[in-house]
N, C-alpha and C. Protein backbone atom coordinates (compact mmCIF):
# COMPACT_ATOMS: atom_id res chain seq x y z
N MET A 1 -27.98 4.18 9.49
CA MET A 1 -27.15 5.16 8.80
C MET A 1 -26.37 5.96 9.84
N ASP A 2 -25.07 6.02 9.67
CA ASP A 2 -24.21 6.76 10.58
C ASP A 2 -24.09 8.20 10.08
N ILE A 3 -24.58 9.15 10.86
CA ILE A 3 -24.46 10.56 10.46
C ILE A 3 -23.58 11.33 11.44
N SER A 4 -22.68 10.60 12.13
CA SER A 4 -21.83 11.25 13.13
C SER A 4 -20.93 12.32 12.52
N GLY A 5 -20.64 12.24 11.23
CA GLY A 5 -19.81 13.24 10.59
C GLY A 5 -20.60 14.23 9.77
N ALA A 6 -21.91 14.26 9.94
CA ALA A 6 -22.76 15.14 9.14
C ALA A 6 -23.28 16.29 9.98
N TRP A 7 -23.64 17.36 9.30
CA TRP A 7 -24.24 18.52 9.95
C TRP A 7 -25.63 18.74 9.36
N LEU A 8 -26.57 19.00 10.18
CA LEU A 8 -27.90 19.36 9.71
C LEU A 8 -28.04 20.88 9.84
N ILE A 9 -28.42 21.52 8.73
CA ILE A 9 -28.57 22.98 8.75
C ILE A 9 -29.91 23.35 8.17
N ASP A 10 -30.35 24.55 8.48
CA ASP A 10 -31.64 25.01 7.98
C ASP A 10 -31.50 26.19 7.02
N LYS A 11 -30.35 26.32 6.39
CA LYS A 11 -30.09 27.40 5.44
C LYS A 11 -29.60 26.82 4.12
N GLU A 12 -29.90 27.47 3.02
CA GLU A 12 -29.39 27.06 1.73
C GLU A 12 -27.95 27.56 1.61
N LEU A 13 -27.09 26.71 1.08
CA LEU A 13 -25.68 27.07 0.95
C LEU A 13 -25.30 27.27 -0.51
N GLU A 14 -24.27 28.08 -0.71
CA GLU A 14 -23.73 28.29 -2.05
C GLU A 14 -22.34 27.66 -2.08
N LEU A 15 -22.08 26.84 -3.08
CA LEU A 15 -20.77 26.23 -3.24
C LEU A 15 -19.83 27.24 -3.88
N ILE A 16 -18.75 27.52 -3.20
CA ILE A 16 -17.72 28.39 -3.74
C ILE A 16 -16.45 27.56 -3.81
N HIS A 17 -15.98 27.32 -5.01
CA HIS A 17 -14.80 26.48 -5.20
C HIS A 17 -13.71 27.27 -5.90
N MET A 18 -12.57 27.37 -5.23
CA MET A 18 -11.43 28.05 -5.84
C MET A 18 -10.31 27.02 -5.93
N ASN A 19 -9.88 26.74 -7.13
CA ASN A 19 -8.81 25.78 -7.34
C ASN A 19 -7.47 26.48 -7.09
N THR A 20 -6.75 26.01 -6.10
CA THR A 20 -5.45 26.61 -5.78
C THR A 20 -4.31 25.65 -6.11
N VAL A 21 -4.62 24.55 -6.77
CA VAL A 21 -3.59 23.58 -7.14
C VAL A 21 -2.82 24.14 -8.33
N PRO A 22 -1.50 24.15 -8.24
CA PRO A 22 -0.73 24.69 -9.36
C PRO A 22 -0.81 23.76 -10.58
N LEU A 23 -0.77 24.35 -11.75
CA LEU A 23 -0.77 23.57 -12.98
C LEU A 23 0.61 22.93 -13.17
N CYS A 24 0.61 21.70 -13.61
CA CYS A 24 1.87 21.02 -13.91
C CYS A 24 2.47 21.63 -15.17
N PRO A 25 3.79 21.78 -15.21
CA PRO A 25 4.42 22.24 -16.45
C PRO A 25 4.16 21.22 -17.57
N LYS A 26 3.82 21.69 -18.74
CA LYS A 26 3.47 20.79 -19.86
C LYS A 26 4.59 19.82 -20.20
N SER A 27 5.83 20.21 -19.99
CA SER A 27 6.95 19.35 -20.38
C SER A 27 7.44 18.46 -19.24
N CYS A 28 6.76 18.43 -18.11
CA CYS A 28 7.26 17.68 -16.96
C CYS A 28 7.00 16.18 -17.10
N GLY A 29 5.89 15.69 -16.63
CA GLY A 29 5.55 14.27 -16.73
C GLY A 29 6.37 13.34 -15.87
N LEU A 30 7.13 13.87 -14.90
CA LEU A 30 7.97 13.01 -14.07
C LEU A 30 7.16 12.02 -13.24
N CYS A 31 6.01 12.45 -12.75
CA CYS A 31 5.18 11.55 -11.95
C CYS A 31 4.65 10.40 -12.81
N ILE A 32 4.28 10.71 -14.04
CA ILE A 32 3.76 9.70 -14.96
C ILE A 32 4.86 8.68 -15.27
N LYS A 33 6.08 9.15 -15.49
CA LYS A 33 7.21 8.26 -15.77
C LYS A 33 7.56 7.41 -14.55
N ALA A 34 7.37 7.95 -13.35
CA ALA A 34 7.74 7.23 -12.12
C ALA A 34 6.74 6.15 -11.73
N CYS A 35 5.55 6.20 -12.27
CA CYS A 35 4.48 5.27 -11.89
C CYS A 35 4.69 3.90 -12.54
N SER A 36 5.01 2.90 -11.74
CA SER A 36 5.35 1.57 -12.27
C SER A 36 4.16 0.85 -12.91
N THR A 37 2.94 1.21 -12.53
CA THR A 37 1.77 0.54 -13.08
C THR A 37 1.05 1.38 -14.13
N LYS A 38 1.61 2.53 -14.45
CA LYS A 38 1.01 3.46 -15.41
C LYS A 38 -0.40 3.88 -14.98
N SER A 39 -0.57 4.00 -13.68
CA SER A 39 -1.83 4.46 -13.12
C SER A 39 -2.07 5.93 -13.45
N LEU A 40 -1.00 6.70 -13.50
CA LEU A 40 -1.13 8.12 -13.85
C LEU A 40 -1.11 8.26 -15.36
N ILE A 41 -2.12 8.94 -15.88
CA ILE A 41 -2.23 9.06 -17.33
C ILE A 41 -2.02 10.50 -17.82
N GLU A 42 -2.25 11.44 -16.95
CA GLU A 42 -1.97 12.85 -17.23
C GLU A 42 -1.95 13.55 -15.88
N PRO A 43 -1.48 14.79 -15.83
CA PRO A 43 -1.41 15.46 -14.53
C PRO A 43 -2.76 15.45 -13.79
N TYR A 44 -2.70 15.12 -12.53
CA TYR A 44 -3.87 15.08 -11.64
C TYR A 44 -4.94 14.08 -12.07
N THR A 45 -4.55 13.09 -12.87
CA THR A 45 -5.51 12.10 -13.34
C THR A 45 -4.91 10.71 -13.19
N MET A 46 -5.67 9.82 -12.55
CA MET A 46 -5.15 8.47 -12.33
C MET A 46 -6.24 7.43 -12.48
N ASN A 47 -5.79 6.21 -12.70
CA ASN A 47 -6.67 5.06 -12.70
C ASN A 47 -6.44 4.36 -11.36
N ARG A 48 -7.36 4.51 -10.46
CA ARG A 48 -7.21 3.99 -9.11
C ARG A 48 -7.03 2.47 -9.08
N SER A 49 -7.63 1.75 -10.03
CA SER A 49 -7.56 0.29 -9.98
C SER A 49 -6.17 -0.28 -10.17
N ASN A 50 -5.25 0.49 -10.72
CA ASN A 50 -3.90 -0.04 -10.84
C ASN A 50 -2.86 0.83 -10.14
N CYS A 51 -3.28 1.66 -9.23
CA CYS A 51 -2.37 2.46 -8.42
C CYS A 51 -1.78 1.57 -7.32
N VAL A 52 -0.46 1.53 -7.20
CA VAL A 52 0.19 0.69 -6.20
C VAL A 52 -0.32 1.01 -4.80
N SER A 53 -0.50 2.28 -4.51
CA SER A 53 -1.00 2.65 -3.18
C SER A 53 -2.37 2.03 -2.91
N CYS A 54 -3.23 2.06 -3.90
CA CYS A 54 -4.56 1.45 -3.73
C CYS A 54 -4.47 -0.07 -3.67
N LEU A 55 -3.61 -0.66 -4.50
CA LEU A 55 -3.47 -2.11 -4.52
C LEU A 55 -2.93 -2.66 -3.20
N THR A 56 -2.09 -1.90 -2.52
CA THR A 56 -1.54 -2.38 -1.25
C THR A 56 -2.44 -2.08 -0.06
N THR A 57 -3.48 -1.30 -0.28
CA THR A 57 -4.34 -0.94 0.85
C THR A 57 -5.80 -1.30 0.59
N TRP A 58 -6.50 -0.57 -0.27
CA TRP A 58 -7.94 -0.73 -0.44
C TRP A 58 -8.34 -1.82 -1.42
N GLU A 59 -7.46 -2.11 -2.37
CA GLU A 59 -7.82 -3.06 -3.42
C GLU A 59 -6.78 -4.19 -3.45
N GLY A 60 -6.68 -4.92 -4.52
CA GLY A 60 -5.65 -5.95 -4.65
C GLY A 60 -5.77 -7.07 -3.64
N TRP A 61 -6.97 -7.47 -3.31
CA TRP A 61 -7.16 -8.48 -2.25
C TRP A 61 -6.74 -9.87 -2.68
N GLU A 62 -6.72 -10.14 -3.95
CA GLU A 62 -6.34 -11.47 -4.44
C GLU A 62 -5.09 -11.30 -5.30
N LEU A 63 -3.94 -11.20 -4.65
CA LEU A 63 -2.70 -10.89 -5.37
C LEU A 63 -2.26 -11.99 -6.33
N THR A 64 -2.68 -13.21 -6.09
CA THR A 64 -2.29 -14.28 -7.02
C THR A 64 -2.88 -14.04 -8.41
N LYS A 65 -3.94 -13.26 -8.48
CA LYS A 65 -4.58 -12.96 -9.76
C LYS A 65 -4.40 -11.50 -10.17
N GLU A 66 -3.68 -10.73 -9.38
CA GLU A 66 -3.53 -9.30 -9.64
C GLU A 66 -2.59 -9.05 -10.82
N LYS A 67 -3.09 -8.38 -11.81
CA LYS A 67 -2.35 -8.07 -13.04
C LYS A 67 -1.06 -7.28 -12.77
N TYR A 68 -1.08 -6.42 -11.77
CA TYR A 68 0.06 -5.52 -11.52
C TYR A 68 0.92 -5.95 -10.33
N ARG A 69 0.82 -7.20 -9.91
CA ARG A 69 1.55 -7.63 -8.71
C ARG A 69 3.06 -7.48 -8.85
N HIS A 70 3.59 -7.68 -10.05
CA HIS A 70 5.04 -7.53 -10.24
C HIS A 70 5.45 -6.06 -10.18
N GLN A 71 4.62 -5.20 -10.79
CA GLN A 71 4.93 -3.77 -10.79
C GLN A 71 4.80 -3.16 -9.39
N MET A 72 4.13 -3.86 -8.47
CA MET A 72 4.02 -3.37 -7.09
C MET A 72 5.37 -3.39 -6.39
N GLY A 73 6.32 -4.13 -6.96
CA GLY A 73 7.67 -4.16 -6.42
C GLY A 73 7.70 -4.59 -4.97
N LYS A 74 8.43 -3.83 -4.17
CA LYS A 74 8.59 -4.17 -2.75
C LYS A 74 7.66 -3.37 -1.84
N TRP A 75 6.69 -2.67 -2.42
CA TRP A 75 5.76 -1.90 -1.60
C TRP A 75 4.84 -2.85 -0.83
N ILE A 76 4.67 -2.57 0.45
CA ILE A 76 3.73 -3.36 1.26
C ILE A 76 2.60 -2.49 1.81
N PHE A 77 2.76 -1.18 1.74
CA PHE A 77 1.72 -0.26 2.20
C PHE A 77 1.92 1.07 1.49
N GLY A 78 1.02 1.39 0.58
CA GLY A 78 1.12 2.66 -0.13
C GLY A 78 2.22 2.66 -1.17
N CYS A 79 2.49 3.84 -1.70
CA CYS A 79 3.55 4.05 -2.69
C CYS A 79 3.74 5.56 -2.79
N ASP A 80 4.95 5.99 -2.93
CA ASP A 80 5.22 7.42 -3.03
C ASP A 80 6.01 7.78 -4.28
N ALA A 81 6.10 6.90 -5.24
CA ALA A 81 6.93 7.16 -6.42
C ALA A 81 6.54 8.46 -7.12
N CYS A 82 5.25 8.68 -7.33
CA CYS A 82 4.82 9.90 -8.02
C CYS A 82 5.10 11.14 -7.16
N GLN A 83 4.83 11.02 -5.87
CA GLN A 83 5.06 12.15 -4.96
C GLN A 83 6.55 12.50 -4.87
N ASP A 84 7.37 11.47 -4.80
CA ASP A 84 8.81 11.70 -4.67
C ASP A 84 9.40 12.32 -5.93
N SER A 85 8.81 12.05 -7.09
CA SER A 85 9.36 12.58 -8.34
C SER A 85 8.85 13.98 -8.68
N CYS A 86 7.80 14.43 -8.03
CA CYS A 86 7.18 15.71 -8.38
C CYS A 86 8.04 16.90 -7.95
N PRO A 87 8.39 17.78 -8.89
CA PRO A 87 9.19 18.96 -8.54
C PRO A 87 8.49 19.88 -7.54
N PHE A 88 7.16 19.88 -7.55
CA PHE A 88 6.44 20.73 -6.59
C PHE A 88 6.65 20.24 -5.16
N ASN A 89 6.99 18.98 -4.99
CA ASN A 89 7.20 18.43 -3.65
C ASN A 89 8.64 18.55 -3.17
N HIS A 90 9.54 18.95 -4.05
CA HIS A 90 10.96 19.02 -3.70
C HIS A 90 11.18 19.94 -2.50
N LYS A 91 11.79 19.38 -1.49
CA LYS A 91 12.13 20.09 -0.24
C LYS A 91 10.89 20.63 0.50
N LYS A 92 9.74 20.00 0.28
CA LYS A 92 8.52 20.43 0.98
C LYS A 92 8.29 19.66 2.27
N TRP A 93 8.85 18.45 2.39
CA TRP A 93 8.62 17.62 3.58
C TRP A 93 9.25 18.30 4.78
N ALA A 94 8.43 18.52 5.79
CA ALA A 94 8.91 19.08 7.05
C ALA A 94 8.72 18.01 8.11
N ASN A 95 9.80 17.58 8.69
CA ASN A 95 9.75 16.51 9.68
C ASN A 95 9.33 17.08 11.04
N ASP A 96 8.20 17.78 11.05
CA ASP A 96 7.76 18.40 12.28
C ASP A 96 6.47 17.77 12.83
N MET A 97 5.98 16.74 12.16
CA MET A 97 4.77 16.08 12.64
C MET A 97 5.15 14.99 13.64
N ASP A 98 4.37 14.88 14.68
CA ASP A 98 4.62 13.89 15.70
C ASP A 98 4.00 12.56 15.30
N PHE A 99 4.80 11.54 15.23
CA PHE A 99 4.33 10.18 14.96
C PHE A 99 4.86 9.33 16.11
N PRO A 100 4.11 9.29 17.22
CA PRO A 100 4.61 8.62 18.43
C PRO A 100 5.04 7.18 18.18
N ASN A 101 6.15 6.82 18.79
CA ASN A 101 6.71 5.47 18.76
C ASN A 101 7.16 5.00 17.38
N LEU A 102 7.47 5.93 16.50
CA LEU A 102 7.87 5.57 15.15
C LEU A 102 9.15 4.71 15.15
N GLU A 103 10.13 5.11 15.93
CA GLU A 103 11.39 4.36 15.99
C GLU A 103 11.14 2.93 16.46
N GLU A 104 10.37 2.79 17.52
CA GLU A 104 10.06 1.47 18.06
C GLU A 104 9.29 0.63 17.05
N LEU A 105 8.30 1.24 16.42
CA LEU A 105 7.48 0.54 15.44
C LEU A 105 8.31 0.12 14.23
N GLY A 106 9.19 0.99 13.77
CA GLY A 106 10.04 0.69 12.62
C GLY A 106 10.91 -0.53 12.83
N ALA A 107 11.31 -0.78 14.06
CA ALA A 107 12.13 -1.95 14.37
C ALA A 107 11.37 -3.25 14.20
N HIS A 108 10.04 -3.18 14.14
CA HIS A 108 9.20 -4.37 14.02
C HIS A 108 8.68 -4.61 12.60
N ILE A 109 9.01 -3.71 11.69
CA ILE A 109 8.46 -3.84 10.34
C ILE A 109 9.55 -4.21 9.35
N SER A 110 9.50 -5.43 8.91
CA SER A 110 10.31 -5.93 7.80
C SER A 110 9.47 -7.03 7.17
N LEU A 111 9.82 -7.45 5.98
CA LEU A 111 9.03 -8.49 5.34
C LEU A 111 8.97 -9.74 6.21
N GLU A 112 10.12 -10.13 6.75
CA GLU A 112 10.18 -11.33 7.58
C GLU A 112 9.37 -11.18 8.86
N LYS A 113 9.49 -10.04 9.51
CA LYS A 113 8.79 -9.82 10.78
C LYS A 113 7.28 -9.74 10.58
N ILE A 114 6.86 -9.19 9.45
CA ILE A 114 5.43 -9.13 9.18
C ILE A 114 4.86 -10.54 9.05
N ILE A 115 5.57 -11.42 8.36
CA ILE A 115 5.10 -12.80 8.22
C ILE A 115 4.98 -13.46 9.59
N GLU A 116 5.90 -13.17 10.49
CA GLU A 116 5.88 -13.78 11.82
C GLU A 116 4.94 -13.08 12.80
N MET A 117 4.43 -11.91 12.46
CA MET A 117 3.58 -11.15 13.37
C MET A 117 2.30 -11.89 13.71
N ASP A 118 1.90 -11.78 14.98
CA ASP A 118 0.59 -12.35 15.34
C ASP A 118 -0.49 -11.31 15.02
N TYR A 119 -1.70 -11.80 14.89
CA TYR A 119 -2.79 -10.93 14.46
C TYR A 119 -3.20 -9.92 15.52
N ASP A 120 -2.95 -10.21 16.78
CA ASP A 120 -3.23 -9.25 17.83
C ASP A 120 -2.35 -8.00 17.65
N TYR A 121 -1.08 -8.21 17.35
CA TYR A 121 -0.15 -7.11 17.13
C TYR A 121 -0.54 -6.33 15.86
N LEU A 122 -0.86 -7.06 14.80
CA LEU A 122 -1.28 -6.40 13.57
C LEU A 122 -2.53 -5.54 13.78
N GLU A 123 -3.50 -6.07 14.51
CA GLU A 123 -4.77 -5.35 14.72
C GLU A 123 -4.65 -4.20 15.71
N ASN A 124 -3.84 -4.36 16.75
CA ASN A 124 -3.84 -3.37 17.83
C ASN A 124 -2.65 -2.42 17.83
N VAL A 125 -1.59 -2.75 17.13
CA VAL A 125 -0.42 -1.86 17.08
C VAL A 125 -0.22 -1.30 15.67
N ILE A 126 -0.18 -2.17 14.69
CA ILE A 126 0.09 -1.73 13.31
C ILE A 126 -1.12 -1.02 12.70
N GLN A 127 -2.27 -1.64 12.76
CA GLN A 127 -3.45 -1.08 12.07
C GLN A 127 -3.83 0.32 12.53
N PRO A 128 -3.81 0.64 13.81
CA PRO A 128 -4.17 2.02 14.18
C PRO A 128 -3.22 3.09 13.59
N LYS A 129 -1.99 2.73 13.32
CA LYS A 129 -1.04 3.67 12.72
C LYS A 129 -1.17 3.72 11.20
N PHE A 130 -1.50 2.57 10.61
CA PHE A 130 -1.60 2.44 9.16
C PHE A 130 -3.02 1.99 8.83
N TRP A 131 -3.96 2.87 9.02
CA TRP A 131 -5.38 2.51 9.02
C TRP A 131 -6.01 2.34 7.66
N TYR A 132 -5.26 2.55 6.56
CA TYR A 132 -5.85 2.32 5.24
C TYR A 132 -6.21 0.85 5.02
N ILE A 133 -5.48 -0.03 5.69
CA ILE A 133 -5.87 -1.45 5.66
C ILE A 133 -6.78 -1.65 6.86
N PRO A 134 -8.05 -1.98 6.64
CA PRO A 134 -8.99 -2.10 7.76
C PRO A 134 -8.61 -3.22 8.72
N LYS A 135 -9.04 -3.07 9.95
CA LYS A 135 -8.70 -4.01 11.01
C LYS A 135 -9.06 -5.45 10.65
N GLU A 136 -10.20 -5.63 10.02
CA GLU A 136 -10.65 -7.00 9.68
C GLU A 136 -9.87 -7.59 8.50
N LYS A 137 -8.99 -6.79 7.89
CA LYS A 137 -8.22 -7.30 6.75
C LYS A 137 -6.72 -7.11 6.97
N VAL A 138 -6.27 -7.15 8.22
CA VAL A 138 -4.84 -6.98 8.48
C VAL A 138 -4.00 -8.10 7.90
N TRP A 139 -4.63 -9.21 7.52
CA TRP A 139 -3.91 -10.28 6.83
C TRP A 139 -3.27 -9.76 5.55
N LYS A 140 -3.79 -8.65 5.01
CA LYS A 140 -3.27 -8.04 3.79
C LYS A 140 -1.80 -7.67 3.95
N TRP A 141 -1.39 -7.31 5.17
CA TRP A 141 0.02 -7.02 5.42
C TRP A 141 0.88 -8.22 5.02
N LYS A 142 0.41 -9.41 5.38
CA LYS A 142 1.19 -10.62 5.10
C LYS A 142 1.17 -10.98 3.62
N THR A 143 0.04 -10.83 2.95
CA THR A 143 0.02 -11.12 1.51
C THR A 143 0.86 -10.10 0.75
N ASN A 144 0.84 -8.85 1.20
CA ASN A 144 1.70 -7.83 0.58
C ASN A 144 3.17 -8.16 0.79
N ALA A 145 3.51 -8.63 1.99
CA ALA A 145 4.89 -9.00 2.29
C ALA A 145 5.32 -10.17 1.40
N LEU A 146 4.44 -11.15 1.24
CA LEU A 146 4.74 -12.28 0.35
C LEU A 146 4.94 -11.81 -1.09
N ASN A 147 4.10 -10.89 -1.54
CA ASN A 147 4.25 -10.35 -2.89
C ASN A 147 5.58 -9.63 -3.04
N ALA A 148 5.96 -8.85 -2.04
CA ALA A 148 7.25 -8.14 -2.08
C ALA A 148 8.39 -9.15 -2.10
N MET A 149 8.24 -10.26 -1.37
CA MET A 149 9.28 -11.29 -1.37
C MET A 149 9.45 -11.91 -2.75
N ILE A 150 8.36 -12.18 -3.43
CA ILE A 150 8.52 -12.79 -4.76
C ILE A 150 9.01 -11.77 -5.79
N ASN A 151 8.74 -10.50 -5.56
CA ASN A 151 9.21 -9.47 -6.50
C ASN A 151 10.68 -9.15 -6.32
N ASP A 152 11.24 -9.51 -5.18
CA ASP A 152 12.67 -9.30 -4.91
C ASP A 152 13.18 -10.58 -4.24
N TYR A 153 12.94 -11.71 -4.91
CA TYR A 153 13.18 -13.02 -4.30
C TYR A 153 14.63 -13.23 -3.87
N ARG A 154 14.75 -13.80 -2.67
CA ARG A 154 16.03 -14.23 -2.11
C ARG A 154 15.77 -15.56 -1.40
N PRO A 155 16.70 -16.48 -1.46
CA PRO A 155 16.49 -17.78 -0.80
C PRO A 155 16.18 -17.68 0.69
N VAL A 156 16.65 -16.64 1.37
CA VAL A 156 16.36 -16.47 2.79
C VAL A 156 14.85 -16.37 3.05
N TYR A 157 14.09 -15.95 2.04
CA TYR A 157 12.64 -15.81 2.20
C TYR A 157 11.91 -17.16 2.26
N ASP A 158 12.56 -18.22 1.78
CA ASP A 158 11.89 -19.53 1.76
C ASP A 158 11.35 -19.93 3.13
N LYS A 159 12.12 -19.66 4.16
CA LYS A 159 11.70 -19.99 5.54
C LYS A 159 10.39 -19.27 5.89
N TYR A 160 10.26 -18.03 5.50
CA TYR A 160 9.10 -17.22 5.86
C TYR A 160 7.89 -17.57 4.98
N ILE A 161 8.16 -17.94 3.75
CA ILE A 161 7.08 -18.41 2.87
C ILE A 161 6.50 -19.69 3.45
N GLU A 162 7.38 -20.55 3.97
CA GLU A 162 6.93 -21.80 4.61
C GLU A 162 6.10 -21.49 5.86
N ILE A 163 6.55 -20.56 6.66
CA ILE A 163 5.79 -20.15 7.86
C ILE A 163 4.41 -19.65 7.45
N ALA A 164 4.36 -18.82 6.40
CA ALA A 164 3.09 -18.25 5.95
C ALA A 164 2.15 -19.33 5.41
N SER A 165 2.71 -20.42 4.91
CA SER A 165 1.85 -21.48 4.37
C SER A 165 1.07 -22.19 5.47
N SER A 166 1.41 -21.93 6.74
CA SER A 166 0.65 -22.49 7.87
C SER A 166 -0.05 -21.40 8.67
N ASP A 167 -0.15 -20.21 8.10
CA ASP A 167 -0.78 -19.08 8.79
C ASP A 167 -2.24 -19.40 9.12
N GLU A 168 -2.74 -18.77 10.16
CA GLU A 168 -4.14 -19.01 10.55
C GLU A 168 -5.15 -18.44 9.56
N ASN A 169 -4.71 -17.50 8.72
CA ASN A 169 -5.63 -16.88 7.77
C ASN A 169 -5.55 -17.59 6.41
N GLU A 170 -6.69 -17.94 5.88
CA GLU A 170 -6.77 -18.66 4.61
C GLU A 170 -6.16 -17.88 3.45
N ASN A 171 -6.35 -16.56 3.42
CA ASN A 171 -5.80 -15.73 2.33
C ASN A 171 -4.28 -15.78 2.32
N VAL A 172 -3.68 -15.75 3.49
CA VAL A 172 -2.22 -15.80 3.61
C VAL A 172 -1.73 -17.18 3.20
N ARG A 173 -2.38 -18.22 3.69
CA ARG A 173 -1.99 -19.59 3.33
C ARG A 173 -2.07 -19.80 1.82
N ARG A 174 -3.15 -19.33 1.21
CA ARG A 174 -3.34 -19.50 -0.23
C ARG A 174 -2.22 -18.78 -1.00
N MET A 175 -1.90 -17.56 -0.60
CA MET A 175 -0.83 -16.81 -1.27
C MET A 175 0.52 -17.51 -1.09
N ALA A 176 0.81 -17.95 0.14
CA ALA A 176 2.09 -18.61 0.42
C ALA A 176 2.21 -19.92 -0.37
N ASN A 177 1.15 -20.68 -0.44
CA ASN A 177 1.18 -21.94 -1.18
C ASN A 177 1.33 -21.70 -2.67
N TRP A 178 0.72 -20.64 -3.16
CA TRP A 178 0.88 -20.25 -4.56
C TRP A 178 2.35 -19.91 -4.84
N VAL A 179 2.97 -19.18 -3.91
CA VAL A 179 4.39 -18.83 -4.04
C VAL A 179 5.23 -20.10 -4.02
N LYS A 180 4.95 -20.98 -3.06
CA LYS A 180 5.72 -22.22 -2.94
C LYS A 180 5.59 -23.12 -4.16
N ASN A 181 4.46 -23.08 -4.80
CA ASN A 181 4.22 -23.97 -5.94
C ASN A 181 4.70 -23.41 -7.27
N GLY A 182 5.66 -22.53 -7.22
CA GLY A 182 6.33 -22.18 -8.45
C GLY A 182 6.19 -20.81 -9.02
N CYS A 183 5.46 -19.90 -8.40
CA CYS A 183 5.31 -18.59 -9.05
C CYS A 183 6.63 -17.86 -9.13
N VAL A 184 7.56 -18.13 -8.24
CA VAL A 184 8.84 -17.41 -8.24
C VAL A 184 9.60 -17.69 -9.53
N SER A 185 9.65 -18.94 -9.94
CA SER A 185 10.45 -19.25 -11.12
C SER A 185 9.66 -19.24 -12.42
N THR A 186 8.36 -19.48 -12.38
CA THR A 186 7.61 -19.64 -13.63
C THR A 186 6.64 -18.53 -13.94
N ASP A 187 6.30 -17.68 -12.99
CA ASP A 187 5.20 -16.74 -13.21
C ASP A 187 5.67 -15.34 -13.58
N LYS A 188 6.92 -15.02 -13.52
CA LYS A 188 7.36 -13.65 -13.80
C LYS A 188 7.50 -13.37 -15.26
């Protein structure tokens, strides 16, 4: 058992909880309308199993069978549709956080480049920055990229789908072969 994040104390504690989250206006619902998978059902309430952010990171490991794969659209990591639509978030983003090498990293992230990425780069450069996808499952980047390709299909993607069909990871190969065998034209 790892207790590196735990504290041992010899005193009884009292839980004091003060909710400082503002109440959503009853007539708003913009976040609920923005959610492509209908994961949000009421303010501050969601179904995690169909949240695009969860499907692209913690869940959705078998996209060929994922019920919401089409609604995931072009997302390959997370989703901000609800956050972007929320009036409470309007003009709240402050670009004052340091994200070292963001410009350099951004030049390497596209659907096509992800398919061509080697696993060393995915594990040692991408994963430490985008850690919601665990190191041992960085292949998820490629299956997410393939899903985004079929959701916004263009013939230029055929080359990359073919490359993915020979990927070293079985999950990526299976997804790419599923795409090649007709999901683009018959499964939507």
